[in-house]
Amino acid sequence: MQKRKFDVSFVVERDKDGYFAYCPSLQGCYTQGNSYKEAVVNILDAIKLHIEDRLGSKV
C-alpha cells in the first residue's frame, strides 16, 4: 500500500442542535456531533472516508 499525505482543514460551528463540521476543500464532506469533540472525531472520519472513496482504495 502506498502512503499519501494530505493537508486539509475543517471548520466546526455551533448551532442550535449541537455542532456542525465540514471540510471546505472536499465537496460534500460534512458531519455533525452533540459536542465539539464528537464533531471533530466525526469530521476526521468523514475526511478519511471521502479520500478513500476518491482514491478507490484504503489510505
N, C-alpha and C. Protein backbone atom coordinates (compact mmCIF):
# COMPACT_ATOMS: atom_id res chain seq x y z
N MET A 1 0.84 -1.17 0.00
CA MET A 1 0.00 0.00 0.00
C MET A 1 0.89 1.24 0.00
N GLN A 2 0.60 2.15 -0.91
CA GLN A 2 1.34 3.40 -0.99
C GLN A 2 0.73 4.41 -0.01
N LYS A 3 1.57 5.06 0.78
CA LYS A 3 1.09 6.07 1.71
C LYS A 3 1.09 7.42 1.02
N ARG A 4 0.09 8.22 1.34
CA ARG A 4 -0.02 9.57 0.80
C ARG A 4 -0.32 10.52 1.93
N LYS A 5 0.15 11.73 1.80
CA LYS A 5 -0.10 12.74 2.81
C LYS A 5 -0.95 13.85 2.20
N PHE A 6 -2.01 14.21 2.94
CA PHE A 6 -2.91 15.27 2.50
C PHE A 6 -3.01 16.32 3.60
N ASP A 7 -2.93 17.57 3.23
CA ASP A 7 -3.17 18.66 4.16
C ASP A 7 -4.56 19.22 3.88
N VAL A 8 -5.45 19.03 4.82
CA VAL A 8 -6.81 19.56 4.68
C VAL A 8 -7.19 20.27 5.97
N SER A 9 -8.08 21.21 5.85
CA SER A 9 -8.59 21.89 7.04
C SER A 9 -10.09 21.64 7.13
N PHE A 10 -10.61 21.84 8.32
CA PHE A 10 -12.05 21.69 8.51
C PHE A 10 -12.55 22.80 9.43
N VAL A 11 -13.85 23.01 9.40
CA VAL A 11 -14.49 24.06 10.18
C VAL A 11 -15.53 23.40 11.07
N VAL A 12 -15.59 23.82 12.33
CA VAL A 12 -16.61 23.35 13.26
C VAL A 12 -17.39 24.57 13.74
N GLU A 13 -18.71 24.51 13.60
CA GLU A 13 -19.58 25.61 14.02
C GLU A 13 -20.64 25.07 14.97
N ARG A 14 -20.99 25.88 15.94
CA ARG A 14 -22.05 25.51 16.86
C ARG A 14 -23.38 26.03 16.33
N ASP A 15 -24.41 25.19 16.41
CA ASP A 15 -25.76 25.63 16.06
C ASP A 15 -26.73 25.18 17.15
N LYS A 16 -28.01 25.40 16.95
CA LYS A 16 -28.99 25.11 18.00
C LYS A 16 -29.09 23.63 18.33
N ASP A 17 -28.66 22.76 17.43
CA ASP A 17 -28.77 21.31 17.63
C ASP A 17 -27.46 20.65 18.05
N GLY A 18 -26.39 21.41 18.19
CA GLY A 18 -25.10 20.82 18.54
C GLY A 18 -23.99 21.47 17.75
N TYR A 19 -23.20 20.65 17.07
CA TYR A 19 -22.05 21.15 16.31
C TYR A 19 -22.09 20.58 14.90
N PHE A 20 -21.74 21.40 13.93
CA PHE A 20 -21.71 21.04 12.52
C PHE A 20 -20.28 21.22 12.04
N ALA A 21 -19.73 20.23 11.34
CA ALA A 21 -18.35 20.31 10.85
C ALA A 21 -18.32 20.00 9.36
N TYR A 22 -17.45 20.70 8.65
CA TYR A 22 -17.30 20.45 7.21
C TYR A 22 -15.88 20.76 6.77
N CYS A 23 -15.54 20.21 5.63
CA CYS A 23 -14.22 20.41 5.03
C CYS A 23 -14.43 21.18 3.73
N PRO A 24 -14.12 22.48 3.69
CA PRO A 24 -14.38 23.30 2.51
C PRO A 24 -13.72 22.79 1.22
N SER A 25 -12.58 22.13 1.33
CA SER A 25 -11.86 21.69 0.13
C SER A 25 -12.36 20.35 -0.42
N LEU A 26 -13.24 19.67 0.31
CA LEU A 26 -13.79 18.39 -0.14
C LEU A 26 -15.31 18.50 -0.24
N GLN A 27 -15.78 18.71 -1.45
CA GLN A 27 -17.21 18.91 -1.67
C GLN A 27 -18.04 17.76 -1.09
N GLY A 28 -19.04 18.11 -0.30
CA GLY A 28 -19.93 17.11 0.27
C GLY A 28 -19.40 16.43 1.51
N CYS A 29 -18.30 16.89 2.05
CA CYS A 29 -17.70 16.27 3.23
C CYS A 29 -18.10 17.07 4.46
N TYR A 30 -19.11 16.57 5.16
CA TYR A 30 -19.61 17.26 6.34
C TYR A 30 -20.22 16.25 7.31
N THR A 31 -20.41 16.68 8.55
CA THR A 31 -20.96 15.82 9.59
C THR A 31 -21.46 16.69 10.73
N GLN A 32 -21.88 16.05 11.80
CA GLN A 32 -22.33 16.78 12.98
C GLN A 32 -22.00 16.00 14.24
N GLY A 33 -22.20 16.61 15.38
CA GLY A 33 -21.97 15.95 16.65
C GLY A 33 -22.69 16.67 17.77
N ASN A 34 -22.92 15.99 18.85
CA ASN A 34 -23.57 16.61 20.01
C ASN A 34 -22.61 17.49 20.79
N SER A 35 -21.30 17.23 20.67
CA SER A 35 -20.28 18.04 21.34
C SER A 35 -19.23 18.42 20.30
N TYR A 36 -18.39 19.40 20.67
CA TYR A 36 -17.30 19.82 19.79
C TYR A 36 -16.38 18.63 19.50
N LYS A 37 -16.02 17.90 20.55
CA LYS A 37 -15.12 16.77 20.39
C LYS A 37 -15.71 15.71 19.45
N GLU A 38 -16.99 15.42 19.62
CA GLU A 38 -17.65 14.43 18.76
C GLU A 38 -17.66 14.90 17.30
N ALA A 39 -17.90 16.18 17.09
CA ALA A 39 -17.89 16.72 15.72
C ALA A 39 -16.51 16.61 15.09
N VAL A 40 -15.45 16.86 15.86
CA VAL A 40 -14.07 16.74 15.35
C VAL A 40 -13.76 15.29 14.99
N VAL A 41 -14.09 14.37 15.88
CA VAL A 41 -13.86 12.94 15.60
C VAL A 41 -14.62 12.54 14.33
N ASN A 42 -15.86 12.99 14.22
CA ASN A 42 -16.69 12.63 13.06
C ASN A 42 -16.15 13.21 11.76
N ILE A 43 -15.67 14.47 11.77
CA ILE A 43 -15.18 15.06 10.53
C ILE A 43 -13.87 14.43 10.11
N LEU A 44 -13.03 14.05 11.06
CA LEU A 44 -11.79 13.36 10.69
C LEU A 44 -12.10 12.03 10.03
N ASP A 45 -13.08 11.31 10.54
CA ASP A 45 -13.52 10.06 9.93
C ASP A 45 -14.13 10.31 8.55
N ALA A 46 -14.94 11.35 8.43
CA ALA A 46 -15.57 11.68 7.14
C ALA A 46 -14.51 12.05 6.10
N ILE A 47 -13.49 12.79 6.50
CA ILE A 47 -12.41 13.16 5.58
C ILE A 47 -11.69 11.90 5.09
N LYS A 48 -11.36 11.01 6.02
CA LYS A 48 -10.68 9.75 5.66
C LYS A 48 -11.51 8.95 4.67
N LEU A 49 -12.81 8.79 4.96
CA LEU A 49 -13.68 8.03 4.07
C LEU A 49 -13.84 8.70 2.72
N HIS A 50 -13.92 10.02 2.71
CA HIS A 50 -14.06 10.77 1.46
C HIS A 50 -12.84 10.56 0.57
N ILE A 51 -11.66 10.65 1.16
CA ILE A 51 -10.42 10.47 0.39
C ILE A 51 -10.29 9.02 -0.08
N GLU A 52 -10.61 8.06 0.78
CA GLU A 52 -10.57 6.65 0.37
C GLU A 52 -11.48 6.42 -0.82
N ASP A 53 -12.66 7.00 -0.77
CA ASP A 53 -13.61 6.84 -1.88
C ASP A 53 -13.07 7.44 -3.17
N ARG A 54 -12.47 8.61 -3.06
CA ARG A 54 -11.89 9.28 -4.24
C ARG A 54 -10.74 8.48 -4.84
N LEU A 55 -9.92 7.89 -3.97
CA LEU A 55 -8.77 7.11 -4.45
C LEU A 55 -9.15 5.70 -4.86
N GLY A 56 -10.27 5.22 -4.34
CA GLY A 56 -10.71 3.87 -4.66
C GLY A 56 -9.95 2.80 -3.90
N SER A 57 -9.25 3.21 -2.83
CA SER A 57 -8.51 2.25 -2.02
C SER A 57 -8.31 2.81 -0.63
N LYS A 58 -7.78 2.00 0.26
CA LYS A 58 -7.51 2.44 1.63
C LYS A 58 -6.37 3.43 1.66
N VAL A 59 -6.50 4.44 2.52
CA VAL A 59 -5.44 5.43 2.71
C VAL A 59 -4.55 4.97 3.83
